[in-house]
Amino acid sequence: MLVKMMPSSLGMIVGEGSIFIIVFLVGAIWLHRSIIRERKLQEQKKNFLLSVTHELKSPLASIKILLQTIQKRDLTREQVLDFIAKSLTDIERLDDMVENMLLASKIDNRSYTFPKAQFNLSVLVDSIVNRLQLTKCESNQQIIDAEIEPKIQITGDKFALTSVVTNLIENAIKYSGPCETVGVKLFSKDGRVCLQVADHGIGIADQEKGRIFDKFYRVPTGNIHNVKGTGLGLSYIKYIIEAHGGSITVNSAVGNGSEFIIALPA
């Protein structure tokens, strides 16, 4: 016996079927996007691990060669002292990297509380500039051009803000071409303390600006190993600055360099 289906029943079945198809399609799209995001994250983590390995091996290899040279060759006192100074510089690089990694780990685990105290930010920035200052080219020009307003006091986490300033200046040096000048300005204005770090490097494309503060993300430069760095810096810099009630912005264009601007409450 054939049962004639009522129009209302048919409409209900079609409606339920349509809802099922829509839910299925939405779920499939969500799953597809999740897989793509996971693949990108895994690729970024892989590049991060490769970069960290390279960053660790480079100063270690340099220290090993310098110490072996001191051990095997008859050097003058001046040469020995020069090699020791270079070794200490590489050790400082390693120490900075380890401290940054520990800070990042504590931030991820929400175990870092940002202990704050008043200190002289001008002295801090000046000391970092002097430590990272290098001479290049035949004219031995200084690659960091610093304008630091004196006696700027700030209340904050000195350790975390040291990491912020160091990372920003190091990034500017890394992404600049040979003999290009990096500008560092520290000044107070309208109740805010401003730090500007500008380079004349490769710049950042508009489509990349929204991602540069993502964890593990690095601006593509052809070969990712052409520029040293772990890719952690900017994501944690943003987190640290916001934990201090501040903000960070970037002005950049491809081929015209980048300028990062930090504003903190005075």
C-alpha atoms as a PDB file:
ATOM      1  CA  MET A   1       0.000   0.000   0.000  1.00  0.00           C
ATOM      2  CA  LEU A   2       1.385   3.384  -0.981  1.00  0.00           C
ATOM      3  CA  VAL A   3       1.116   6.123   1.614  1.00  0.00           C
ATOM      4  CA  LYS A   4       0.718   9.588   0.252  1.00  0.00           C
ATOM      5  CA  MET A   5       3.043  11.959   2.076  1.00  0.00           C
ATOM      6  CA  MET A   6       1.482  15.139   3.373  1.00  0.00           C
ATOM      7  CA  PRO A   7       3.013  18.402   2.128  1.00  0.00           C
ATOM      8  CA  SER A   8       3.837  19.440   5.678  1.00  0.00           C
ATOM      9  CA  SER A   9       5.768  16.205   6.285  1.00  0.00           C
ATOM     10  CA  LEU A  10       7.664  16.616   3.036  1.00  0.00           C
ATOM     11  CA  GLY A  11       8.553  20.191   3.924  1.00  0.00           C
ATOM     12  CA  MET A  12       9.773  19.117   7.358  1.00  0.00           C
ATOM     13  CA  ILE A  13      12.029  16.429   5.852  1.00  0.00           C
ATOM     14  CA  VAL A  14      13.441  18.849   3.266  1.00  0.00           C
ATOM     15  CA  GLY A  15      13.999  21.447   5.981  1.00  0.00           C
ATOM     16  CA  GLU A  16      15.782  19.001   8.270  1.00  0.00           C
ATOM     17  CA  GLY A  17      17.853  17.741   5.342  1.00  0.00           C
ATOM     18  CA  SER A  18      18.864  21.281   4.410  1.00  0.00           C
ATOM     19  CA  ILE A  19      19.863  22.031   7.992  1.00  0.00           C
ATOM     20  CA  PHE A  20      21.928  18.826   8.101  1.00  0.00           C
ATOM     21  CA  ILE A  21      23.699  19.734   4.842  1.00  0.00           C
ATOM     22  CA  ILE A  22      24.403  23.273   6.079  1.00  0.00           C
ATOM     23  CA  VAL A  23      25.766  21.989   9.404  1.00  0.00           C
ATOM     24  CA  PHE A  24      27.870  19.419   7.557  1.00  0.00           C
ATOM     25  CA  LEU A  25      29.297  22.046   5.176  1.00  0.00           C
ATOM     26  CA  VAL A  26      30.046  24.469   8.034  1.00  0.00           C
ATOM     27  CA  GLY A  27      31.766  21.672   9.961  1.00  0.00           C
ATOM     28  CA  ALA A  28      33.774  20.638   6.887  1.00  0.00           C
ATOM     29  CA  ILE A  29      34.895  24.233   6.280  1.00  0.00           C
ATOM     30  CA  TRP A  30      35.826  24.687   9.953  1.00  0.00           C
ATOM     31  CA  LEU A  31      37.768  21.406   9.933  1.00  0.00           C
ATOM     32  CA  HIS A  32      39.566  22.363   6.710  1.00  0.00           C
ATOM     33  CA  ARG A  33      40.591  25.749   8.140  1.00  0.00           C
ATOM     34  CA  SER A  34      41.693  24.120  11.403  1.00  0.00           C
ATOM     35  CA  ILE A  35      43.898  21.684   9.487  1.00  0.00           C
ATOM     36  CA  ILE A  36      45.454  24.532   7.492  1.00  0.00           C
ATOM     37  CA  ARG A  37      46.105  26.547  10.687  1.00  0.00           C
ATOM     38  CA  GLU A  38      47.652  23.505  12.352  1.00  0.00           C
ATOM     39  CA  ARG A  39      49.904  22.872   9.351  1.00  0.00           C
ATOM     40  CA  LYS A  40      51.041  26.497   9.339  1.00  0.00           C
ATOM     41  CA  LEU A  41      51.710  26.372  13.084  1.00  0.00           C
ATOM     42  CA  GLN A  42      53.711  23.164  12.728  1.00  0.00           C
ATOM     43  CA  GLU A  43      55.730  24.700   9.890  1.00  0.00           C
ATOM     44  CA  GLN A  44      56.394  27.816  11.967  1.00  0.00           C
ATOM     45  CA  LYS A  45      57.445  25.683  14.942  1.00  0.00           C
ATOM     46  CA  LYS A  46      59.778  23.703  12.664  1.00  0.00           C
ATOM     47  CA  ASN A  47      61.363  26.912  11.360  1.00  0.00           C
ATOM     48  CA  PHE A  48      61.619  28.198  14.929  1.00  0.00           C
ATOM     49  CA  LEU A  49      63.474  25.072  16.105  1.00  0.00           C
ATOM     50  CA  LEU A  50      65.827  25.258  13.120  1.00  0.00           C
ATOM     51  CA  SER A  51      66.502  28.921  13.840  1.00  0.00           C
ATOM     52  CA  VAL A  52      67.126  28.306  17.544  1.00  0.00           C
ATOM     53  CA  THR A  53      69.516  25.467  16.714  1.00  0.00           C
ATOM     54  CA  HIS A  54      71.404  27.727  14.320  1.00  0.00           C
ATOM     55  CA  GLU A  55      71.473  30.581  16.831  1.00  0.00           C
ATOM     56  CA  LEU A  56      72.902  28.299  19.516  1.00  0.00           C
ATOM     57  CA  LYS A  57      75.489  26.627  17.304  1.00  0.00           C
ATOM     58  CA  SER A  58      76.909  29.836  15.845  1.00  0.00           C
ATOM     59  CA  PRO A  59      78.268  31.453  19.057  1.00  0.00           C
ATOM     60  CA  LEU A  60      79.279  28.063  20.472  1.00  0.00           C
ATOM     61  CA  ALA A  61      81.354  27.343  17.372  1.00  0.00           C
ATOM     62  CA  SER A  62      82.935  30.803  17.591  1.00  0.00           C
ATOM     63  CA  ILE A  63      83.825  30.369  21.279  1.00  0.00           C
ATOM     64  CA  LYS A  64      85.295  26.922  20.595  1.00  0.00           C
ATOM     65  CA  ILE A  65      87.531  28.216  17.794  1.00  0.00           C
ATOM     66  CA  LEU A  66      88.733  31.174  19.863  1.00  0.00           C
ATOM     67  CA  LEU A  67      89.588  29.027  22.887  1.00  0.00           C
ATOM     68  CA  GLN A  68      91.306  26.391  20.743  1.00  0.00           C
ATOM     69  CA  THR A  69      93.394  29.123  19.133  1.00  0.00           C
ATOM     70  CA  ILE A  70      94.449  30.415  22.562  1.00  0.00           C
ATOM     71  CA  GLN A  71      95.283  26.865  23.639  1.00  0.00           C
ATOM     72  CA  LYS A  72      97.307  25.821  20.573  1.00  0.00           C
ATOM     73  CA  ARG A  73      99.068  29.007  19.478  1.00  0.00           C
ATOM     74  CA  ASP A  74     101.651  31.213  21.106  1.00  0.00           C
ATOM     75  CA  LEU A  75      99.780  34.511  21.244  1.00  0.00           C
ATOM     76  CA  THR A  76     100.658  37.871  22.688  1.00  0.00           C
ATOM     77  CA  ARG A  77      98.826  39.101  25.772  1.00  0.00           C
ATOM     78  CA  GLU A  78      96.914  41.617  23.661  1.00  0.00           C
ATOM     79  CA  GLN A  79      95.744  38.877  21.281  1.00  0.00           C
ATOM     80  CA  VAL A  80      94.661  36.653  24.172  1.00  0.00           C
ATOM     81  CA  LEU A  81      92.695  39.492  25.752  1.00  0.00           C
ATOM     82  CA  ASP A  82      91.068  40.273  22.385  1.00  0.00           C
ATOM     83  CA  PHE A  83      90.022  36.627  21.914  1.00  0.00           C
ATOM     84  CA  ILE A  84      88.666  36.486  25.468  1.00  0.00           C
ATOM     85  CA  ALA A  85      86.649  39.663  24.860  1.00  0.00           C
ATOM     86  CA  LYS A  86      85.164  38.159  21.681  1.00  0.00           C
ATOM     87  CA  SER A  87      84.328  34.972  23.557  1.00  0.00           C
ATOM     88  CA  LEU A  88      82.569  36.955  26.289  1.00  0.00           C
ATOM     89  CA  THR A  89      80.520  38.764  23.623  1.00  0.00           C
ATOM     90  CA  ASP A  90      79.359  35.422  22.229  1.00  0.00           C
ATOM     91  CA  ILE A  91      78.577  34.190  25.743  1.00  0.00           C
ATOM     92  CA  GLU A  92      76.430  37.300  26.273  1.00  0.00           C
ATOM     93  CA  ARG A  93      74.539  36.394  23.092  1.00  0.00           C
ATOM     94  CA  LEU A  94      73.872  32.918  24.438  1.00  0.00           C
ATOM     95  CA  ASP A  95      72.860  34.301  27.817  1.00  0.00           C
ATOM     96  CA  ASP A  96      70.426  36.749  26.192  1.00  0.00           C
ATOM     97  CA  MET A  97      68.858  33.938  24.172  1.00  0.00           C
ATOM     98  CA  VAL A  98      68.441  31.680  27.206  1.00  0.00           C
ATOM     99  CA  GLU A  99      66.940  34.509  29.263  1.00  0.00           C
ATOM    100  CA  ASN A 100      64.514  35.332  26.443  1.00  0.00           C
ATOM    101  CA  MET A 101      63.469  31.699  26.142  1.00  0.00           C
ATOM    102  CA  LEU A 102      62.906  31.430  29.902  1.00  0.00           C
ATOM    103  CA  LEU A 103      60.897  34.662  29.919  1.00  0.00           C
ATOM    104  CA  ALA A 104      58.782  33.437  26.988  1.00  0.00           C
ATOM    105  CA  SER A 105      58.164  30.114  28.721  1.00  0.00           C
ATOM    106  CA  LYS A 106      57.049  31.826  31.939  1.00  0.00           C
ATOM    107  CA  ILE A 107      54.725  34.132  29.994  1.00  0.00           C
ATOM    108  CA  ASP A 108      53.185  31.137  28.194  1.00  0.00           C
ATOM    109  CA  ASN A 109      52.649  29.370  31.510  1.00  0.00           C
ATOM    110  CA  ARG A 110      51.145  32.517  33.062  1.00  0.00           C
ATOM    111  CA  SER A 111      53.727  32.184  35.837  1.00  0.00           C
ATOM    112  CA  TYR A 112      55.443  35.532  35.228  1.00  0.00           C
ATOM    113  CA  THR A 113      54.046  38.407  37.285  1.00  0.00           C
ATOM    114  CA  PHE A 114      56.014  41.398  35.899  1.00  0.00           C
ATOM    115  CA  PRO A 115      57.490  42.769  39.134  1.00  0.00           C
ATOM    116  CA  LYS A 116      57.625  46.544  38.723  1.00  0.00           C
ATOM    117  CA  ALA A 117      59.865  49.193  40.205  1.00  0.00           C
ATOM    118  CA  GLN A 118      60.994  52.674  39.209  1.00  0.00           C
ATOM    119  CA  PHE A 119      64.196  52.936  37.169  1.00  0.00           C
ATOM    120  CA  ASN A 120      65.964  55.186  34.671  1.00  0.00           C
ATOM    121  CA  LEU A 121      64.905  54.064  31.189  1.00  0.00           C
ATOM    122  CA  SER A 122      67.362  56.472  29.522  1.00  0.00           C
ATOM    123  CA  VAL A 123      70.320  54.714  31.169  1.00  0.00           C
ATOM    124  CA  LEU A 124      68.906  51.316  30.226  1.00  0.00           C
ATOM    125  CA  VAL A 125      68.439  52.179  26.535  1.00  0.00           C
ATOM    126  CA  ASP A 126      71.855  53.855  26.366  1.00  0.00           C
ATOM    127  CA  SER A 127      73.587  50.785  27.835  1.00  0.00           C
ATOM    128  CA  ILE A 128      71.849  48.461  25.345  1.00  0.00           C
ATOM    129  CA  VAL A 129      72.787  50.726  22.418  1.00  0.00           C
ATOM    130  CA  ASN A 130      76.431  50.759  23.540  1.00  0.00           C
ATOM    131  CA  ARG A 131      76.472  46.974  23.873  1.00  0.00           C
ATOM    132  CA  LEU A 132      74.966  46.407  20.418  1.00  0.00           C
ATOM    133  CA  GLN A 133      76.857  49.231  18.728  1.00  0.00           C
ATOM    134  CA  LEU A 134      79.095  48.043  15.935  1.00  0.00           C
ATOM    135  CA  THR A 135      81.326  49.686  13.361  1.00  0.00           C
ATOM    136  CA  LYS A 136      81.036  48.721   9.750  1.00  0.00           C
ATOM    137  CA  CYS A 137      82.401  49.625   6.342  1.00  0.00           C
ATOM    138  CA  GLU A 138      85.613  51.422   5.476  1.00  0.00           C
ATOM    139  CA  SER A 139      84.600  54.560   7.361  1.00  0.00           C
ATOM    140  CA  ASN A 140      83.958  52.521  10.535  1.00  0.00           C
ATOM    141  CA  GLN A 141      80.618  54.282  10.861  1.00  0.00           C
ATOM    142  CA  GLN A 142      78.424  53.502  13.836  1.00  0.00           C
ATOM    143  CA  ILE A 143      75.340  51.632  12.714  1.00  0.00           C
ATOM    144  CA  ILE A 144      73.115  52.792  15.597  1.00  0.00           C
ATOM    145  CA  ASP A 145      72.230  56.495  15.594  1.00  0.00           C
ATOM    146  CA  ALA A 146      70.743  57.128  19.040  1.00  0.00           C
ATOM    147  CA  GLU A 147      68.877  60.187  20.353  1.00  0.00           C
ATOM    148  CA  ILE A 148      68.133  59.506  24.017  1.00  0.00           C
ATOM    149  CA  GLU A 149      66.418  62.079  26.200  1.00  0.00           C
ATOM    150  CA  PRO A 150      68.142  61.954  29.603  1.00  0.00           C
ATOM    151  CA  LYS A 151      66.602  61.181  32.990  1.00  0.00           C
ATOM    152  CA  ILE A 152      63.422  59.487  31.820  1.00  0.00           C
ATOM    153  CA  GLN A 153      62.059  57.606  34.801  1.00  0.00           C
ATOM    154  CA  ILE A 154      59.560  54.805  34.382  1.00  0.00           C
ATOM    155  CA  THR A 155      57.857  52.248  36.597  1.00  0.00           C
ATOM    156  CA  GLY A 156      58.033  48.783  35.111  1.00  0.00           C
ATOM    157  CA  ASP A 157      59.702  45.391  34.941  1.00  0.00           C
ATOM    158  CA  LYS A 158      63.317  46.249  34.155  1.00  0.00           C
ATOM    159  CA  PHE A 159      64.217  42.702  33.114  1.00  0.00           C
ATOM    160  CA  ALA A 160      61.295  42.336  30.687  1.00  0.00           C
ATOM    161  CA  LEU A 161      61.740  45.824  29.215  1.00  0.00           C
ATOM    162  CA  THR A 162      65.453  45.143  28.722  1.00  0.00           C
ATOM    163  CA  SER A 163      64.424  42.160  26.593  1.00  0.00           C
ATOM    164  CA  VAL A 164      61.998  44.370  24.636  1.00  0.00           C
ATOM    165  CA  VAL A 165      64.556  47.065  23.794  1.00  0.00           C
ATOM    166  CA  THR A 166      67.273  44.525  22.978  1.00  0.00           C
ATOM    167  CA  ASN A 167      65.033  42.512  20.657  1.00  0.00           C
ATOM    168  CA  LEU A 168      63.768  45.565  18.780  1.00  0.00           C
ATOM    169  CA  ILE A 169      67.261  46.936  18.122  1.00  0.00           C
ATOM    170  CA  GLU A 170      68.656  43.507  17.224  1.00  0.00           C
ATOM    171  CA  ASN A 171      65.796  42.944  14.772  1.00  0.00           C
ATOM    172  CA  ALA A 172      66.447  46.326  13.154  1.00  0.00           C
ATOM    173  CA  ILE A 173      70.135  45.440  12.706  1.00  0.00           C
ATOM    174  CA  LYS A 174      69.353  41.946  11.401  1.00  0.00           C
ATOM    175  CA  TYR A 175      66.867  43.089   8.774  1.00  0.00           C
ATOM    176  CA  SER A 176      68.955  46.036   7.579  1.00  0.00           C
ATOM    177  CA  GLY A 177      71.412  45.891   4.731  1.00  0.00           C
ATOM    178  CA  PRO A 178      75.171  46.222   5.219  1.00  0.00           C
ATOM    179  CA  CYS A 179      76.256  49.679   6.390  1.00  0.00           C
ATOM    180  CA  GLU A 180      72.642  50.799   6.887  1.00  0.00           C
ATOM    181  CA  THR A 181      71.977  52.994   9.922  1.00  0.00           C
ATOM    182  CA  VAL A 182      69.474  52.042  12.620  1.00  0.00           C
ATOM    183  CA  GLY A 183      67.768  54.925  14.403  1.00  0.00           C
ATOM    184  CA  VAL A 184      66.860  54.757  18.096  1.00  0.00           C
ATOM    185  CA  LYS A 185      64.924  57.590  19.743  1.00  0.00           C
ATOM    186  CA  LEU A 186      63.712  57.812  23.330  1.00  0.00           C
ATOM    187  CA  PHE A 187      61.672  60.811  24.453  1.00  0.00           C
ATOM    188  CA  SER A 188      58.700  61.838  26.584  1.00  0.00           C
ATOM    189  CA  LYS A 189      55.640  63.562  25.149  1.00  0.00           C
ATOM    190  CA  ASP A 190      52.152  64.336  26.473  1.00  0.00           C
ATOM    191  CA  GLY A 191      52.530  62.139  29.539  1.00  0.00           C
ATOM    192  CA  ARG A 192      53.838  59.184  27.542  1.00  0.00           C
ATOM    193  CA  VAL A 193      57.297  57.720  27.085  1.00  0.00           C
ATOM    194  CA  CYS A 194      58.032  56.878  23.453  1.00  0.00           C
ATOM    195  CA  LEU A 195      60.694  54.585  22.025  1.00  0.00           C
ATOM    196  CA  GLN A 196      61.196  54.535  18.258  1.00  0.00           C
ATOM    197  CA  VAL A 197      63.415  52.011  16.493  1.00  0.00           C
ATOM    198  CA  ALA A 198      63.766  52.517  12.751  1.00  0.00           C
ATOM    199  CA  ASP A 199      65.768  50.741  10.070  1.00  0.00           C
ATOM    200  CA  HIS A 200      66.311  51.080   6.328  1.00  0.00           C
ATOM    201  CA  GLY A 201      65.957  47.364   5.690  1.00  0.00           C
ATOM    202  CA  ILE A 202      63.698  45.128   3.628  1.00  0.00           C
ATOM    203  CA  GLY A 203      60.432  46.476   5.035  1.00  0.00           C
ATOM    204  CA  ILE A 204      57.165  44.646   5.658  1.00  0.00           C
ATOM    205  CA  ALA A 205      54.408  44.085   3.097  1.00  0.00           C
ATOM    206  CA  ASP A 206      50.900  45.271   4.016  1.00  0.00           C
ATOM    207  CA  GLN A 207      49.545  41.705   4.040  1.00  0.00           C
ATOM    208  CA  GLU A 208      52.215  40.682   6.574  1.00  0.00           C
ATOM    209  CA  LYS A 209      51.693  43.522   9.079  1.00  0.00           C
ATOM    210  CA  GLY A 210      48.738  41.839  10.725  1.00  0.00           C
ATOM    211  CA  ARG A 211      50.754  38.676  11.407  1.00  0.00           C
ATOM    212  CA  ILE A 212      54.132  39.938  12.591  1.00  0.00           C
ATOM    213  CA  PHE A 213      53.010  39.830  16.231  1.00  0.00           C
ATOM    214  CA  ASP A 214      51.914  36.185  15.961  1.00  0.00           C
ATOM    215  CA  LYS A 215      53.979  33.667  17.902  1.00  0.00           C
ATOM    216  CA  PHE A 216      56.695  31.926  15.832  1.00  0.00           C
ATOM    217  CA  TYR A 217      55.900  34.084  12.793  1.00  0.00           C
ATOM    218  CA  ARG A 218      58.696  35.583  10.754  1.00  0.00           C
ATOM    219  CA  VAL A 219      58.422  37.865   7.748  1.00  0.00           C
ATOM    220  CA  PRO A 220      59.367  35.832   4.637  1.00  0.00           C
ATOM    221  CA  THR A 221      62.807  36.799   3.303  1.00  0.00           C
ATOM    222  CA  GLY A 222      63.325  34.111   0.661  1.00  0.00           C
ATOM    223  CA  ASN A 223      65.558  31.819   2.685  1.00  0.00           C
ATOM    224  CA  ILE A 224      64.442  31.940   6.305  1.00  0.00           C
ATOM    225  CA  HIS A 225      68.020  31.396   7.497  1.00  0.00           C
ATOM    226  CA  ASN A 226      69.323  34.521   5.756  1.00  0.00           C
ATOM    227  CA  VAL A 227      68.303  36.485   8.838  1.00  0.00           C
ATOM    228  CA  LYS A 228      69.133  35.233  12.310  1.00  0.00           C
ATOM    229  CA  GLY A 229      66.439  35.139  14.948  1.00  0.00           C
ATOM    230  CA  THR A 230      63.999  32.805  16.635  1.00  0.00           C
ATOM    231  CA  GLY A 231      60.815  34.551  15.497  1.00  0.00           C
ATOM    232  CA  LEU A 232      59.634  34.836  19.100  1.00  0.00           C
ATOM    233  CA  GLY A 233      60.504  38.463  19.681  1.00  0.00           C
ATOM    234  CA  LEU A 234      57.578  40.559  18.443  1.00  0.00           C
ATOM    235  CA  SER A 235      54.794  38.417  19.904  1.00  0.00           C
ATOM    236  CA  TYR A 236      56.303  38.660  23.384  1.00  0.00           C
ATOM    237  CA  ILE A 237      57.287  42.292  22.956  1.00  0.00           C
ATOM    238  CA  LYS A 238      53.616  43.126  22.308  1.00  0.00           C
ATOM    239  CA  TYR A 239      52.519  41.096  25.341  1.00  0.00           C
ATOM    240  CA  ILE A 240      55.078  42.756  27.631  1.00  0.00           C
ATOM    241  CA  ILE A 241      54.244  46.268  26.430  1.00  0.00           C
ATOM    242  CA  GLU A 242      50.505  45.717  26.898  1.00  0.00           C
ATOM    243  CA  ALA A 243      51.185  44.312  30.399  1.00  0.00           C
ATOM    244  CA  HIS A 244      52.738  47.718  31.155  1.00  0.00           C
ATOM    245  CA  GLY A 245      49.665  49.586  29.875  1.00  0.00           C
ATOM    246  CA  GLY A 246      51.405  50.585  26.661  1.00  0.00           C
ATOM    247  CA  SER A 247      51.067  50.002  22.932  1.00  0.00           C
ATOM    248  CA  ILE A 248      53.278  49.106  19.977  1.00  0.00           C
ATOM    249  CA  THR A 249      52.699  50.070  16.347  1.00  0.00           C
ATOM    250  CA  VAL A 250      54.649  49.638  13.130  1.00  0.00           C
ATOM    251  CA  ASN A 251      55.096  51.837  10.067  1.00  0.00           C
ATOM    252  CA  SER A 252      56.649  50.031   7.144  1.00  0.00           C
ATOM    253  CA  ALA A 253      56.723  49.565   3.389  1.00  0.00           C
ATOM    254  CA  VAL A 254      58.550  47.031   1.261  1.00  0.00           C
ATOM    255  CA  GLY A 255      62.019  48.306   0.415  1.00  0.00           C
ATOM    256  CA  ASN A 256      61.702  51.364   2.658  1.00  0.00           C
ATOM    257  CA  GLY A 257      62.480  49.897   6.059  1.00  0.00           C
ATOM    258  CA  SER A 258      60.391  49.659   9.215  1.00  0.00           C
ATOM    259  CA  GLU A 259      59.758  51.803  12.269  1.00  0.00           C
ATOM    260  CA  PHE A 260      58.448  50.313  15.510  1.00  0.00           C
ATOM    261  CA  ILE A 261      56.947  52.773  17.984  1.00  0.00           C
ATOM    262  CA  ILE A 262      56.371  51.926  21.640  1.00  0.00           C
ATOM    263  CA  ALA A 263      54.330  54.220  23.893  1.00  0.00           C
ATOM    264  CA  LEU A 264      54.340  53.673  27.662  1.00  0.00           C
ATOM    265  CA  PRO A 265      52.728  55.606  30.504  1.00  0.00           C
ATOM    266  CA  ALA A 266      55.252  57.931  32.122  1.00  0.00           C
END
